[in-house]
Amino acid sequence: MNSAFASWADFFAMGGYALYVWLSVVFTLGPLALLALESWRQHRRLIRAIAREQRREAHESTS
């Protein structure tokens, strides 16, 4: 199987369209990474809120 590019420099140059190609990669992967990060942060907040609520309920039931 032959590679479409002769070298890594050719690969990163993308046949003269590097600016458009790599910007599209950044504008695709960037928001996906931010979405994953924010989802993870919301998950952590939710788990903490649930634990806090359970502790409060346990404390109220013993009082």
PDB file of N, CA and C in Angstrom:
ATOM      1  N   MET A   1       0.830  -1.178   0.000  1.00  0.00           N
ATOM      2  CA  MET A   1       0.000   0.000   0.000  1.00  0.00           C
ATOM      3  C   MET A   1       0.875   1.242   0.000  1.00  0.00           C
ATOM      4  N   ASN A   2       0.603   2.154  -0.878  1.00  0.00           N
ATOM      5  CA  ASN A   2       1.390   3.385  -0.985  1.00  0.00           C
ATOM      6  C   ASN A   2       0.734   4.502  -0.190  1.00  0.00           C
ATOM      7  N   SER A   3       1.584   5.329   0.413  1.00  0.00           N
ATOM      8  CA  SER A   3       1.087   6.473   1.149  1.00  0.00           C
ATOM      9  C   SER A   3       0.712   7.593   0.184  1.00  0.00           C
ATOM     10  N   ALA A   4      -0.268   8.371   0.561  1.00  0.00           N
ATOM     11  CA  ALA A   4      -0.681   9.501  -0.277  1.00  0.00           C
ATOM     12  C   ALA A   4       0.306  10.655  -0.178  1.00  0.00           C
ATOM     13  N   PHE A   5       1.161  10.636   0.844  1.00  0.00           N
ATOM     14  CA  PHE A   5       2.113  11.717   1.063  1.00  0.00           C
ATOM     15  C   PHE A   5       3.521  11.151   1.079  1.00  0.00           C
ATOM     16  N   ALA A   6       4.455  11.897   0.494  1.00  0.00           N
ATOM     17  CA  ALA A   6       5.844  11.451   0.414  1.00  0.00           C
ATOM     18  C   ALA A   6       6.578  11.616   1.741  1.00  0.00           C
ATOM     19  N   SER A   7       6.153  12.575   2.562  1.00  0.00           N
ATOM     20  CA  SER A   7       6.828  12.816   3.841  1.00  0.00           C
ATOM     21  C   SER A   7       5.822  13.382   4.839  1.00  0.00           C
ATOM     22  N   TRP A   8       6.282  13.485   6.082  1.00  0.00           N
ATOM     23  CA  TRP A   8       5.438  14.079   7.109  1.00  0.00           C
ATOM     24  C   TRP A   8       5.168  15.551   6.796  1.00  0.00           C
ATOM     25  N   ALA A   9       6.160  16.243   6.238  1.00  0.00           N
ATOM     26  CA  ALA A   9       5.974  17.653   5.875  1.00  0.00           C
ATOM     27  C   ALA A   9       4.864  17.782   4.841  1.00  0.00           C
ATOM     28  N   ASP A  10       4.843  16.879   3.863  1.00  0.00           N
ATOM     29  CA  ASP A  10       3.765  16.893   2.866  1.00  0.00           C
ATOM     30  C   ASP A  10       2.415  16.600   3.514  1.00  0.00           C
ATOM     31  N   PHE A  11       2.423  15.675   4.468  1.00  0.00           N
ATOM     32  CA  PHE A  11       1.181  15.369   5.165  1.00  0.00           C
ATOM     33  C   PHE A  11       0.642  16.599   5.880  1.00  0.00           C
ATOM     34  N   PHE A  12       1.510  17.291   6.633  1.00  0.00           N
ATOM     35  CA  PHE A  12       1.055  18.459   7.378  1.00  0.00           C
ATOM     36  C   PHE A  12       0.715  19.631   6.463  1.00  0.00           C
ATOM     37  N   ALA A  13       1.310  19.693   5.267  1.00  0.00           N
ATOM     38  CA  ALA A  13       0.994  20.755   4.307  1.00  0.00           C
ATOM     39  C   ALA A  13      -0.337  20.479   3.606  1.00  0.00           C
ATOM     40  N   MET A  14      -0.768  19.230   3.575  1.00  0.00           N
ATOM     41  CA  MET A  14      -2.048  18.823   2.992  1.00  0.00           C
ATOM     42  C   MET A  14      -2.249  19.353   1.573  1.00  0.00           C
ATOM     43  N   GLY A  15      -1.209  19.254   0.789  1.00  0.00           N
ATOM     44  CA  GLY A  15      -1.324  19.645  -0.618  1.00  0.00           C
ATOM     45  C   GLY A  15      -1.631  21.124  -0.808  1.00  0.00           C
ATOM     46  N   GLY A  16      -1.199  21.961   0.120  1.00  0.00           N
ATOM     47  CA  GLY A  16      -1.429  23.389   0.021  1.00  0.00           C
ATOM     48  C   GLY A  16      -2.703  23.852   0.708  1.00  0.00           C
ATOM     49  N   TYR A  17      -3.458  22.942   1.246  1.00  0.00           N
ATOM     50  CA  TYR A  17      -4.724  23.279   1.919  1.00  0.00           C
ATOM     51  C   TYR A  17      -4.624  23.117   3.433  1.00  0.00           C
ATOM     52  N   ALA A  18      -3.432  23.177   3.973  1.00  0.00           N
ATOM     53  CA  ALA A  18      -3.215  22.914   5.397  1.00  0.00           C
ATOM     54  C   ALA A  18      -4.034  23.836   6.286  1.00  0.00           C
ATOM     55  N   LEU A  19      -4.095  25.106   5.976  1.00  0.00           N
ATOM     56  CA  LEU A  19      -4.831  26.046   6.812  1.00  0.00           C
ATOM     57  C   LEU A  19      -6.286  25.607   6.957  1.00  0.00           C
ATOM     58  N   TYR A  20      -6.918  25.273   5.863  1.00  0.00           N
ATOM     59  CA  TYR A  20      -8.326  24.878   5.895  1.00  0.00           C
ATOM     60  C   TYR A  20      -8.520  23.521   6.567  1.00  0.00           C
ATOM     61  N   VAL A  21      -7.628  22.597   6.248  1.00  0.00           N
ATOM     62  CA  VAL A  21      -7.753  21.253   6.814  1.00  0.00           C
ATOM     63  C   VAL A  21      -7.559  21.274   8.317  1.00  0.00           C
ATOM     64  N   TRP A  22      -6.478  21.898   8.777  1.00  0.00           N
ATOM     65  CA  TRP A  22      -6.176  21.863  10.205  1.00  0.00           C
ATOM     66  C   TRP A  22      -7.119  22.747  11.011  1.00  0.00           C
ATOM     67  N   LEU A  23      -7.604  23.848  10.408  1.00  0.00           N
ATOM     68  CA  LEU A  23      -8.624  24.637  11.099  1.00  0.00           C
ATOM     69  C   LEU A  23      -9.908  23.835  11.272  1.00  0.00           C
ATOM     70  N   SER A  24     -10.272  23.080  10.262  1.00  0.00           N
ATOM     71  CA  SER A  24     -11.486  22.263  10.390  1.00  0.00           C
ATOM     72  C   SER A  24     -11.304  21.179  11.442  1.00  0.00           C
ATOM     73  N   VAL A  25     -10.109  20.634  11.548  1.00  0.00           N
ATOM     74  CA  VAL A  25      -9.830  19.640  12.586  1.00  0.00           C
ATOM     75  C   VAL A  25      -9.954  20.282  13.967  1.00  0.00           C
ATOM     76  N   VAL A  26      -9.369  21.466  14.135  1.00  0.00           N
ATOM     77  CA  VAL A  26      -9.426  22.167  15.418  1.00  0.00           C
ATOM     78  C   VAL A  26     -10.863  22.535  15.765  1.00  0.00           C
ATOM     79  N   PHE A  27     -11.617  23.043  14.773  1.00  0.00           N
ATOM     80  CA  PHE A  27     -13.003  23.451  15.028  1.00  0.00           C
ATOM     81  C   PHE A  27     -13.940  22.265  15.215  1.00  0.00           C
ATOM     82  N   THR A  28     -13.484  21.070  14.907  1.00  0.00           N
ATOM     83  CA  THR A  28     -14.271  19.874  15.177  1.00  0.00           C
ATOM     84  C   THR A  28     -13.890  19.261  16.523  1.00  0.00           C
ATOM     85  N   LEU A  29     -12.599  19.037  16.717  1.00  0.00           N
ATOM     86  CA  LEU A  29     -12.147  18.374  17.940  1.00  0.00           C
ATOM     87  C   LEU A  29     -12.195  19.288  19.162  1.00  0.00           C
ATOM     88  N   GLY A  30     -12.002  20.594  18.968  1.00  0.00           N
ATOM     89  CA  GLY A  30     -12.049  21.535  20.087  1.00  0.00           C
ATOM     90  C   GLY A  30     -13.388  21.512  20.813  1.00  0.00           C
ATOM     91  N   PRO A  31     -14.489  21.753  20.102  1.00  0.00           N
ATOM     92  CA  PRO A  31     -15.787  21.698  20.790  1.00  0.00           C
ATOM     93  C   PRO A  31     -16.109  20.318  21.362  1.00  0.00           C
ATOM     94  N   LEU A  32     -15.691  19.259  20.688  1.00  0.00           N
ATOM     95  CA  LEU A  32     -15.930  17.926  21.237  1.00  0.00           C
ATOM     96  C   LEU A  32     -15.185  17.739  22.553  1.00  0.00           C
ATOM     97  N   ALA A  33     -13.956  18.223  22.620  1.00  0.00           N
ATOM     98  CA  ALA A  33     -13.181  18.132  23.860  1.00  0.00           C
ATOM     99  C   ALA A  33     -13.829  18.972  24.958  1.00  0.00           C
ATOM    100  N   LEU A  34     -14.294  20.175  24.604  1.00  0.00           N
ATOM    101  CA  LEU A  34     -14.961  21.022  25.593  1.00  0.00           C
ATOM    102  C   LEU A  34     -16.257  20.387  26.072  1.00  0.00           C
ATOM    103  N   LEU A  35     -16.992  19.760  25.173  1.00  0.00           N
ATOM    104  CA  LEU A  35     -18.228  19.075  25.551  1.00  0.00           C
ATOM    105  C   LEU A  35     -17.942  17.920  26.511  1.00  0.00           C
ATOM    106  N   ALA A  36     -16.906  17.148  26.218  1.00  0.00           N
ATOM    107  CA  ALA A  36     -16.539  16.035  27.100  1.00  0.00           C
ATOM    108  C   ALA A  36     -16.109  16.558  28.471  1.00  0.00           C
ATOM    109  N   LEU A  37     -15.329  17.632  28.490  1.00  0.00           N
ATOM    110  CA  LEU A  37     -14.879  18.211  29.760  1.00  0.00           C
ATOM    111  C   LEU A  37     -16.061  18.728  30.573  1.00  0.00           C
ATOM    112  N   GLU A  38     -16.964  19.457  29.939  1.00  0.00           N
ATOM    113  CA  GLU A  38     -18.109  20.000  30.659  1.00  0.00           C
ATOM    114  C   GLU A  38     -19.037  18.887  31.141  1.00  0.00           C
ATOM    115  N   SER A  39     -19.204  17.836  30.351  1.00  0.00           N
ATOM    116  CA  SER A  39     -20.021  16.696  30.784  1.00  0.00           C
ATOM    117  C   SER A  39     -19.411  16.032  32.005  1.00  0.00           C
ATOM    118  N   TRP A  40     -18.108  15.875  32.010  1.00  0.00           N
ATOM    119  CA  TRP A  40     -17.406  15.283  33.145  1.00  0.00           C
ATOM    120  C   TRP A  40     -17.569  16.159  34.393  1.00  0.00           C
ATOM    121  N   ARG A  41     -17.442  17.486  34.213  1.00  0.00           N
ATOM    122  CA  ARG A  41     -17.595  18.394  35.346  1.00  0.00           C
ATOM    123  C   ARG A  41     -19.018  18.352  35.896  1.00  0.00           C
ATOM    124  N   GLN A  42     -20.020  18.321  35.028  1.00  0.00           N
ATOM    125  CA  GLN A  42     -21.406  18.233  35.481  1.00  0.00           C
ATOM    126  C   GLN A  42     -21.669  16.921  36.216  1.00  0.00           C
ATOM    127  N   HIS A  43     -21.080  15.852  35.725  1.00  0.00           N
ATOM    128  CA  HIS A  43     -21.223  14.556  36.381  1.00  0.00           C
ATOM    129  C   HIS A  43     -20.662  14.615  37.800  1.00  0.00           C
ATOM    130  N   ARG A  44     -19.480  15.189  37.942  1.00  0.00           N
ATOM    131  CA  ARG A  44     -18.880  15.324  39.275  1.00  0.00           C
ATOM    132  C   ARG A  44     -19.751  16.159  40.193  1.00  0.00           C
ATOM    133  N   ARG A  45     -20.283  17.287  39.691  1.00  0.00           N
ATOM    134  CA  ARG A  45     -21.161  18.139  40.503  1.00  0.00           C
ATOM    135  C   ARG A  45     -22.414  17.381  40.926  1.00  0.00           C
ATOM    136  N   LEU A  46     -22.986  16.619  40.006  1.00  0.00           N
ATOM    137  CA  LEU A  46     -24.200  15.866  40.313  1.00  0.00           C
ATOM    138  C   LEU A  46     -23.928  14.808  41.377  1.00  0.00           C
ATOM    139  N   ILE A  47     -22.831  14.084  41.252  1.00  0.00           N
ATOM    140  CA  ILE A  47     -22.477  13.059  42.242  1.00  0.00           C
ATOM    141  C   ILE A  47     -22.273  13.701  43.610  1.00  0.00           C
ATOM    142  N   ARG A  48     -21.600  14.847  43.651  1.00  0.00           N
ATOM    143  CA  ARG A  48     -21.397  15.541  44.930  1.00  0.00           C
ATOM    144  C   ARG A  48     -22.716  16.008  45.526  1.00  0.00           C
ATOM    145  N   ALA A  49     -23.612  16.522  44.692  1.00  0.00           N
ATOM    146  CA  ALA A  49     -24.907  16.991  45.181  1.00  0.00           C
ATOM    147  C   ALA A  49     -25.729  15.829  45.732  1.00  0.00           C
ATOM    148  N   ILE A  50     -25.686  14.697  45.060  1.00  0.00           N
ATOM    149  CA  ILE A  50     -26.419  13.519  45.539  1.00  0.00           C
ATOM    150  C   ILE A  50     -25.850  13.056  46.876  1.00  0.00           C
ATOM    151  N   ALA A  51     -24.527  13.007  46.985  1.00  0.00           N
ATOM    152  CA  ALA A  51     -23.897  12.586  48.246  1.00  0.00           C
ATOM    153  C   ALA A  51     -24.248  13.555  49.369  1.00  0.00           C
ATOM    154  N   ARG A  52     -24.240  14.855  49.066  1.00  0.00           N
ATOM    155  CA  ARG A  52     -24.595  15.863  50.067  1.00  0.00           C
ATOM    156  C   ARG A  52     -26.041  15.693  50.518  1.00  0.00           C
ATOM    157  N   GLU A  53     -26.945  15.446  49.584  1.00  0.00           N
ATOM    158  CA  GLU A  53     -28.354  15.235  49.906  1.00  0.00           C
ATOM    159  C   GLU A  53     -28.540  13.974  50.756  1.00  0.00           C
ATOM    160  N   GLN A  54     -27.817  12.909  50.417  1.00  0.00           N
ATOM    161  CA  GLN A  54     -27.926  11.669  51.194  1.00  0.00           C
ATOM    162  C   GLN A  54     -27.403  11.868  52.617  1.00  0.00           C
ATOM    163  N   ARG A  55     -26.309  12.611  52.754  1.00  0.00           N
ATOM    164  CA  ARG A  55     -25.789  12.896  54.098  1.00  0.00           C
ATOM    165  C   ARG A  55     -26.788  13.722  54.899  1.00  0.00           C
ATOM    166  N   ARG A  56     -27.411  14.716  54.246  1.00  0.00           N
ATOM    167  CA  ARG A  56     -28.405  15.548  54.925  1.00  0.00           C
ATOM    168  C   ARG A  56     -29.598  14.711  55.359  1.00  0.00           C
ATOM    169  N   GLU A  57     -30.081  13.847  54.484  1.00  0.00           N
ATOM    170  CA  GLU A  57     -31.221  13.002  54.833  1.00  0.00           C
ATOM    171  C   GLU A  57     -30.878  12.018  55.948  1.00  0.00           C
ATOM    172  N   ALA A  58     -29.665  11.472  55.908  1.00  0.00           N
ATOM    173  CA  ALA A  58     -29.245  10.557  56.960  1.00  0.00           C
ATOM    174  C   ALA A  58     -29.142  11.276  58.285  1.00  0.00           C
ATOM    175  N   HIS A  59     -28.655  12.501  58.275  1.00  0.00           N
ATOM    176  CA  HIS A  59     -28.541  13.292  59.497  1.00  0.00           C
ATOM    177  C   HIS A  59     -29.925  13.645  60.041  1.00  0.00           C
ATOM    178  N   GLU A  60     -30.861  13.980  59.152  1.00  0.00           N
ATOM    179  CA  GLU A  60     -32.215  14.323  59.606  1.00  0.00           C
ATOM    180  C   GLU A  60     -32.949  13.103  60.180  1.00  0.00           C
ATOM    181  N   SER A  61     -32.694  11.944  59.631  1.00  0.00           N
ATOM    182  CA  SER A  61     -33.406  10.746  60.122  1.00  0.00           C
ATOM    183  C   SER A  61     -32.884  10.294  61.484  1.00  0.00           C
ATOM    184  N   THR A  62     -31.654  10.656  61.837  1.00  0.00           N
ATOM    185  CA  THR A  62     -31.103  10.289  63.144  1.00  0.00           C
ATOM    186  C   THR A  62     -31.440  11.330  64.201  1.00  0.00           C
ATOM    187  N   SER A  63     -31.838  12.508  63.778  1.00  0.00           N
ATOM    188  CA  SER A  63     -32.154  13.580  64.747  1.00  0.00           C
ATOM    189  C   SER A  63     -33.563  13.471  65.279  1.00  0.00           C
TER     190      SER A  63
END
